[in-house]
C-alpha atoms as a PDB file:
ATOM      1  CA  MET A   1     118.547 147.998  84.011  1.00  0.00           C
ATOM      2  CA  LYS A   2     116.897 145.919  81.239  1.00  0.00           C
ATOM      3  CA  LYS A   3     119.851 143.633  81.103  1.00  0.00           C
ATOM      4  CA  MET A   4     119.581 143.194  84.868  1.00  0.00           C
ATOM      5  CA  PHE A   5     116.041 142.294  84.628  1.00  0.00           C
ATOM      6  CA  LEU A   6     116.708 139.750  81.987  1.00  0.00           C
ATOM      7  CA  VAL A   7     119.357 138.194  84.030  1.00  0.00           C
ATOM      8  CA  MET A   8     117.022 137.991  87.082  1.00  0.00           C
ATOM      9  CA  ALA A   9     114.104 136.534  84.905  1.00  0.00           C
ATOM     10  CA  GLY A  10     116.334 133.945  83.502  1.00  0.00           C
ATOM     11  CA  LEU A  11     117.759 132.867  86.967  1.00  0.00           C
ATOM     12  CA  LEU A  12     114.228 132.692  88.295  1.00  0.00           C
ATOM     13  CA  LEU A  13     113.119 130.313  85.348  1.00  0.00           C
ATOM     14  CA  LEU A  14     116.339 128.380  85.943  1.00  0.00           C
ATOM     15  CA  PHE A  15     115.441 127.717  89.598  1.00  0.00           C
ATOM     16  CA  SER A  16     111.727 127.132  88.999  1.00  0.00           C
ATOM     17  CA  ALA A  17     112.780 124.438  86.471  1.00  0.00           C
ATOM     18  CA  CYS A  18     114.868 122.514  89.105  1.00  0.00           C
ATOM     19  CA  GLY A  19     112.261 122.569  91.778  1.00  0.00           C
ATOM     20  CA  THR A  20     110.235 119.582  92.882  1.00  0.00           C
ATOM     21  CA  SER A  21     106.886 118.953  91.199  1.00  0.00           C
ATOM     22  CA  VAL A  22     104.220 117.057  92.908  1.00  0.00           C
ATOM     23  CA  ASN A  23     100.983 115.967  91.346  1.00  0.00           C
ATOM     24  CA  ARG A  24      98.284 114.102  93.404  1.00  0.00           C
ATOM     25  CA  VAL A  25      97.324 110.796  92.109  1.00  0.00           C
ATOM     26  CA  GLN A  26      93.872 109.494  92.782  1.00  0.00           C
ATOM     27  CA  ALA A  27      93.625 106.145  94.835  1.00  0.00           C
ATOM     28  CA  GLY A  28      93.383 102.998  92.542  1.00  0.00           C
ATOM     29  CA  SER A  29      94.891 104.835  89.532  1.00  0.00           C
ATOM     30  CA  GLU A  30      97.544 103.194  87.297  1.00  0.00           C
ATOM     31  CA  ALA A  31     100.677 104.593  88.773  1.00  0.00           C
ATOM     32  CA  ASP A  32     103.785 102.395  88.325  1.00  0.00           C
ATOM     33  CA  LEU A  33     106.785 104.416  87.964  1.00  0.00           C
ATOM     34  CA  SER A  34     109.692 101.981  88.652  1.00  0.00           C
ATOM     35  CA  GLY A  35     108.316  98.573  88.003  1.00  0.00           C
ATOM     36  CA  TYR A  36     108.768  97.550  91.761  1.00  0.00           C
ATOM     37  CA  TRP A  37     106.202  96.519  94.024  1.00  0.00           C
ATOM     38  CA  ASN A  38     103.481  99.264  94.730  1.00  0.00           C
ATOM     39  CA  SER A  39     100.159 100.014  96.199  1.00  0.00           C
ATOM     40  CA  ARG A  40      98.259  98.708  93.177  1.00  0.00           C
ATOM     41  CA  ASP A  41     100.137  95.318  93.591  1.00  0.00           C
ATOM     42  CA  VAL A  42      99.105  95.282  97.221  1.00  0.00           C
ATOM     43  CA  ARG A  43      95.480  95.689  96.404  1.00  0.00           C
ATOM     44  CA  ILE A  44      95.332  93.052  93.568  1.00  0.00           C
ATOM     45  CA  VAL A  45      97.198  90.462  95.851  1.00  0.00           C
ATOM     46  CA  CYS A  46      95.169  91.147  98.918  1.00  0.00           C
ATOM     47  CA  ASP A  47      91.787  91.235  96.997  1.00  0.00           C
ATOM     48  CA  SER A  48      92.476  87.880  95.578  1.00  0.00           C
ATOM     49  CA  LEU A  49      93.845  86.189  98.609  1.00  0.00           C
ATOM     50  CA  ILE A  50      90.881  87.674 100.755  1.00  0.00           C
ATOM     51  CA  ARG A  51      88.273  86.298  98.320  1.00  0.00           C
ATOM     52  CA  ASP A  52      90.007  82.902  98.363  1.00  0.00           C
ATOM     53  CA  ALA A  53      90.157  82.881 102.183  1.00  0.00           C
ATOM     54  CA  LEU A  54      86.571  83.823 102.825  1.00  0.00           C
ATOM     55  CA  SER A  55      85.132  81.296 100.235  1.00  0.00           C
ATOM     56  CA  SER A  56      87.399  78.395 101.527  1.00  0.00           C
ATOM     57  CA  PRO A  57      85.399  75.301 102.276  1.00  0.00           C
ATOM     58  CA  ARG A  58      87.931  74.535 105.122  1.00  0.00           C
ATOM     59  CA  VAL A  59      87.286  77.903 106.654  1.00  0.00           C
ATOM     60  CA  ASP A  60      83.500  77.163 106.633  1.00  0.00           C
ATOM     61  CA  GLN A  61      84.154  73.730 108.166  1.00  0.00           C
ATOM     62  CA  ALA A  62      86.454  75.083 110.811  1.00  0.00           C
ATOM     63  CA  ILE A  63      83.783  77.675 111.732  1.00  0.00           C
ATOM     64  CA  ARG A  64      80.986  75.181 111.936  1.00  0.00           C
ATOM     65  CA  ALA A  65      83.051  72.835 113.927  1.00  0.00           C
ATOM     66  CA  MET A  66      83.970  75.352 116.565  1.00  0.00           C
ATOM     67  CA  GLY A  67      80.371  76.650 116.769  1.00  0.00           C
ATOM     68  CA  ARG A  68      81.574  80.311 117.100  1.00  0.00           C
ATOM     69  CA  THR A  69      83.863  82.733 115.232  1.00  0.00           C
ATOM     70  CA  PRO A  70      87.489  81.621 115.248  1.00  0.00           C
ATOM     71  CA  LYS A  71      90.026  84.010 116.625  1.00  0.00           C
ATOM     72  CA  VAL A  72      93.085  84.681 114.522  1.00  0.00           C
ATOM     73  CA  ILE A  73      96.338  86.341 115.161  1.00  0.00           C
ATOM     74  CA  VAL A  74      98.767  87.697 112.464  1.00  0.00           C
ATOM     75  CA  GLY A  75     102.297  86.380 112.523  1.00  0.00           C
ATOM     76  CA  ARG A  76     104.927  87.410 110.315  1.00  0.00           C
ATOM     77  CA  PHE A  77     104.581  87.914 106.533  1.00  0.00           C
ATOM     78  CA  ARG A  78     108.255  87.595 105.489  1.00  0.00           C
ATOM     79  CA  ASN A  79     109.762  89.248 102.520  1.00  0.00           C
ATOM     80  CA  GLU A  80     111.996  86.755 100.697  1.00  0.00           C
ATOM     81  CA  SER A  81     112.039  88.990  97.522  1.00  0.00           C
ATOM     82  CA  SER A  82     114.917  90.879  95.943  1.00  0.00           C
ATOM     83  CA  GLU A  83     113.477  94.175  96.926  1.00  0.00           C
ATOM     84  CA  HIS A  84     112.296  96.117  99.889  1.00  0.00           C
ATOM     85  CA  ILE A  85     108.620  95.249 100.556  1.00  0.00           C
ATOM     86  CA  ASP A  86     106.843  96.504 103.537  1.00  0.00           C
ATOM     87  CA  THR A  87     104.979  93.284 104.309  1.00  0.00           C
ATOM     88  CA  ALA A  88     103.207  94.907 107.242  1.00  0.00           C
ATOM     89  CA  ILE A  89     100.874  96.665 104.767  1.00  0.00           C
ATOM     90  CA  ILE A  90      99.919  93.171 103.139  1.00  0.00           C
ATOM     91  CA  SER A  91      98.994  91.688 106.535  1.00  0.00           C
ATOM     92  CA  SER A  92      97.202  94.925 107.756  1.00  0.00           C
ATOM     93  CA  VAL A  93      95.057  95.075 104.530  1.00  0.00           C
ATOM     94  CA  MET A  94      94.025  91.353 104.746  1.00  0.00           C
ATOM     95  CA  GLU A  95      93.394  91.562 108.478  1.00  0.00           C
ATOM     96  CA  THR A  96      91.132  94.520 107.974  1.00  0.00           C
ATOM     97  CA  ALA A  97      89.098  93.123 105.096  1.00  0.00           C
ATOM     98  CA  ILE A  98      88.700  89.530 106.849  1.00  0.00           C
ATOM     99  CA  PHE A  99      87.864  91.052 110.196  1.00  0.00           C
ATOM    100  CA  ASN A 100      85.132  93.323 108.470  1.00  0.00           C
ATOM    101  CA  SER A 101      83.668  90.358 106.726  1.00  0.00           C
ATOM    102  CA  GLY A 102      82.442  88.966 110.162  1.00  0.00           C
ATOM    103  CA  ARG A 103      83.717  85.489 109.480  1.00  0.00           C
ATOM    104  CA  LEU A 104      86.930  85.634 111.482  1.00  0.00           C
ATOM    105  CA  ASP A 105      87.865  87.599 114.754  1.00  0.00           C
ATOM    106  CA  PHE A 106      91.421  88.800 115.236  1.00  0.00           C
ATOM    107  CA  VAL A 107      93.370  89.148 118.515  1.00  0.00           C
ATOM    108  CA  ALA A 108      96.163  91.543 118.896  1.00  0.00           C
ATOM    109  CA  GLY A 109      99.697  90.196 118.380  1.00  0.00           C
ATOM    110  CA  GLY A 110     103.289  91.363 118.087  1.00  0.00           C
ATOM    111  CA  ASP A 111     104.063  94.859 119.290  1.00  0.00           C
ATOM    112  CA  VAL A 112     100.353  95.833 120.019  1.00  0.00           C
ATOM    113  CA  ARG A 113      99.998  92.798 122.202  1.00  0.00           C
ATOM    114  CA  ASP A 114     103.217  93.813 124.135  1.00  0.00           C
ATOM    115  CA  GLU A 115     101.992  97.242 124.603  1.00  0.00           C
ATOM    116  CA  LEU A 116      98.687  96.086 125.914  1.00  0.00           C
ATOM    117  CA  ARG A 117     100.473  93.667 128.422  1.00  0.00           C
ATOM    118  CA  GLU A 118     102.721  96.520 129.505  1.00  0.00           C
ATOM    119  CA  GLU A 119      99.581  98.766 130.066  1.00  0.00           C
ATOM    120  CA  ARG A 120      97.925  95.920 131.961  1.00  0.00           C
ATOM    121  CA  GLN A 121     101.034  95.495 134.121  1.00  0.00           C
ATOM    122  CA  ASP A 122     101.332  99.240 134.837  1.00  0.00           C
ATOM    123  CA  GLN A 123      97.574  99.337 135.910  1.00  0.00           C
ATOM    124  CA  GLN A 124      98.246  96.763 138.523  1.00  0.00           C
ATOM    125  CA  ALA A 125     100.264  99.441 140.484  1.00  0.00           C
ATOM    126  CA  TRP A 126      98.638 102.636 139.409  1.00  0.00           C
ATOM    127  CA  ALA A 127      94.937 102.129 138.647  1.00  0.00           C
ATOM    128  CA  SER A 128      92.086 101.923 141.132  1.00  0.00           C
ATOM    129  CA  GLU A 129      90.579  98.490 142.057  1.00  0.00           C
ATOM    130  CA  GLU A 130      87.363  99.377 140.273  1.00  0.00           C
ATOM    131  CA  THR A 131      89.110 100.182 136.897  1.00  0.00           C
ATOM    132  CA  VAL A 132      92.117  97.991 136.774  1.00  0.00           C
ATOM    133  CA  ALA A 133      92.349  95.621 133.955  1.00  0.00           C
ATOM    134  CA  SER A 134      92.835  91.858 135.166  1.00  0.00           C
ATOM    135  CA  LEU A 135      95.864  89.768 134.215  1.00  0.00           C
ATOM    136  CA  GLY A 136      95.462  86.463 132.575  1.00  0.00           C
ATOM    137  CA  ARG A 137      92.241  87.224 130.795  1.00  0.00           C
ATOM    138  CA  GLU A 138      93.524  87.415 127.142  1.00  0.00           C
ATOM    139  CA  VAL A 139      91.589  85.658 124.550  1.00  0.00           C
ATOM    140  CA  GLY A 140      93.768  82.878 122.984  1.00  0.00           C
ATOM    141  CA  ALA A 141      93.940  82.730 119.162  1.00  0.00           C
ATOM    142  CA  ASP A 142      92.854  79.480 117.264  1.00  0.00           C
ATOM    143  CA  PHE A 143      94.753  80.225 114.132  1.00  0.00           C
ATOM    144  CA  MET A 144      97.706  82.276 113.050  1.00  0.00           C
ATOM    145  CA  MET A 145      97.894  83.954 109.649  1.00  0.00           C
ATOM    146  CA  THR A 146     101.451  84.057 108.066  1.00  0.00           C
ATOM    147  CA  GLY A 147     103.010  84.398 104.643  1.00  0.00           C
ATOM    148  CA  THR A 148     105.664  85.223 102.302  1.00  0.00           C
ATOM    149  CA  VAL A 149     106.603  87.439  99.337  1.00  0.00           C
ATOM    150  CA  ARG A 150     108.966  86.072  96.739  1.00  0.00           C
ATOM    151  CA  THR A 151     110.191  87.319  93.276  1.00  0.00           C
ATOM    152  CA  ILE A 152     111.719  85.875  90.331  1.00  0.00           C
ATOM    153  CA  ILE A 153     113.727  88.212  88.171  1.00  0.00           C
ATOM    154  CA  ASP A 154     114.588  87.271  84.431  1.00  0.00           C
ATOM    155  CA  ARG A 155     117.013  89.782  82.770  1.00  0.00           C
ATOM    156  CA  GLN A 156     118.393  90.143  79.183  1.00  0.00           C
ATOM    157  CA  GLY A 157     120.058  93.195  78.137  1.00  0.00           C
ATOM    158  CA  ASN A 158     117.935  96.264  78.837  1.00  0.00           C
ATOM    159  CA  ARG A 159     114.829  94.226  79.518  1.00  0.00           C
ATOM    160  CA  SER A 160     113.708  92.467  82.793  1.00  0.00           C
ATOM    161  CA  VAL A 161     110.554  90.535  83.829  1.00  0.00           C
ATOM    162  CA  ARG A 162     109.745  90.613  87.536  1.00  0.00           C
ATOM    163  CA  ALA A 163     107.179  88.112  88.848  1.00  0.00           C
ATOM    164  CA  TYR A 164     105.787  88.167  92.355  1.00  0.00           C
ATOM    165  CA  PHE A 165     104.515  85.185  94.422  1.00  0.00           C
ATOM    166  CA  VAL A 166     102.637  86.030  97.583  1.00  0.00           C
ATOM    167  CA  ARG A 167     101.430  83.113  99.784  1.00  0.00           C
ATOM    168  CA  ALA A 168      99.326  83.260 102.869  1.00  0.00           C
ATOM    169  CA  GLU A 169      98.135  80.662 105.225  1.00  0.00           C
ATOM    170  CA  LEU A 170      96.069  80.129 108.279  1.00  0.00           C
ATOM    171  CA  THR A 171      97.409  77.458 110.637  1.00  0.00           C
ATOM    172  CA  ASN A 172      95.774  75.912 113.792  1.00  0.00           C
ATOM    173  CA  ILE A 173      97.958  76.904 116.654  1.00  0.00           C
ATOM    174  CA  GLU A 174      97.050  74.047 118.745  1.00  0.00           C
ATOM    175  CA  THR A 175      97.512  71.255 116.133  1.00  0.00           C
ATOM    176  CA  ASN A 176      99.849  72.859 113.543  1.00  0.00           C
ATOM    177  CA  GLU A 177      97.230  71.869 110.976  1.00  0.00           C
ATOM    178  CA  ARG A 178      96.800  74.138 107.910  1.00  0.00           C
ATOM    179  CA  MET A 179      93.290  75.542 107.710  1.00  0.00           C
ATOM    180  CA  TRP A 180      93.671  77.693 104.490  1.00  0.00           C
ATOM    181  CA  ILE A 181      96.602  78.187 102.032  1.00  0.00           C
ATOM    182  CA  GLY A 182      96.417  80.766  99.291  1.00  0.00           C
ATOM    183  CA  GLU A 183      98.581  81.915  96.691  1.00  0.00           C
ATOM    184  CA  ASN A 184      98.710  84.885  94.328  1.00  0.00           C
ATOM    185  CA  ASN A 185     101.024  85.074  91.316  1.00  0.00           C
ATOM    186  CA  GLU A 186      99.093  87.499  89.103  1.00  0.00           C
ATOM    187  CA  ILE A 187     101.757  90.399  89.436  1.00  0.00           C
ATOM    188  CA  THR A 188     104.239  90.139  86.422  1.00  0.00           C
ATOM    189  CA  LYS A 189     105.921  93.128  85.117  1.00  0.00           C
ATOM    190  CA  GLU A 190     108.239  93.806  82.125  1.00  0.00           C
ATOM    191  CA  ILE A 191     110.620  96.608  82.559  1.00  0.00           C
ATOM    192  CA  ARG A 192     112.615  98.242  79.770  1.00  0.00           C
ATOM    193  CA  GLN A 193     115.667 100.414  80.645  1.00  0.00           C
ATOM    194  CA  PRO A 194     116.966 102.923  78.264  1.00  0.00           C
ATOM    195  CA  ARG A 195     120.143 101.735  76.530  1.00  0.00           C
ATOM    196  CA  ASN A 196     123.409 103.518  77.661  1.00  0.00           C
ATOM    197  CA  ARG A 197     124.612 105.758  74.871  1.00  0.00           C
ATOM    198  CA  LEU A 198     128.398 106.620  74.791  1.00  0.00           C
END
């Protein structure tokens, strides 16, 4: 009986050691496990680009010239890096912060705009006259925000250095003139892999 108990206890310890362990990490803490793009990198890049956009003399000039708050639509942030980066997170963080500053207004674009148009079209057939949303009443955007993420990787032996370059820009939709261009190249990481032992 004692032998069976020891075998069962040993199996229980073995299986519990193989289980998944989860530790919650506080937002903003220094968690960089792989050396790849992560949430802290998004925060660093977006904070600097947002500060740059909101303090831009050209943005001030455009707002004064229009006499109203310019409307912005978010276009594509292209991932031209060597790894998977969800650029929708970058554009969403920037859009939220700039919108909440009160300096620029955003209009819906992409999938959201398509859903809204579909709903308006659907209302034409199914909603009452008093509540139906009118067609052709969208507010046009003055500027489009777009951007890119690129990486440069330098490797030698078990060491590599990964540098990120994020560029964002606001372009006048009517004239194609750039209103603001911002770049962030603050994220550089040195990664050391363990040497293979034979």
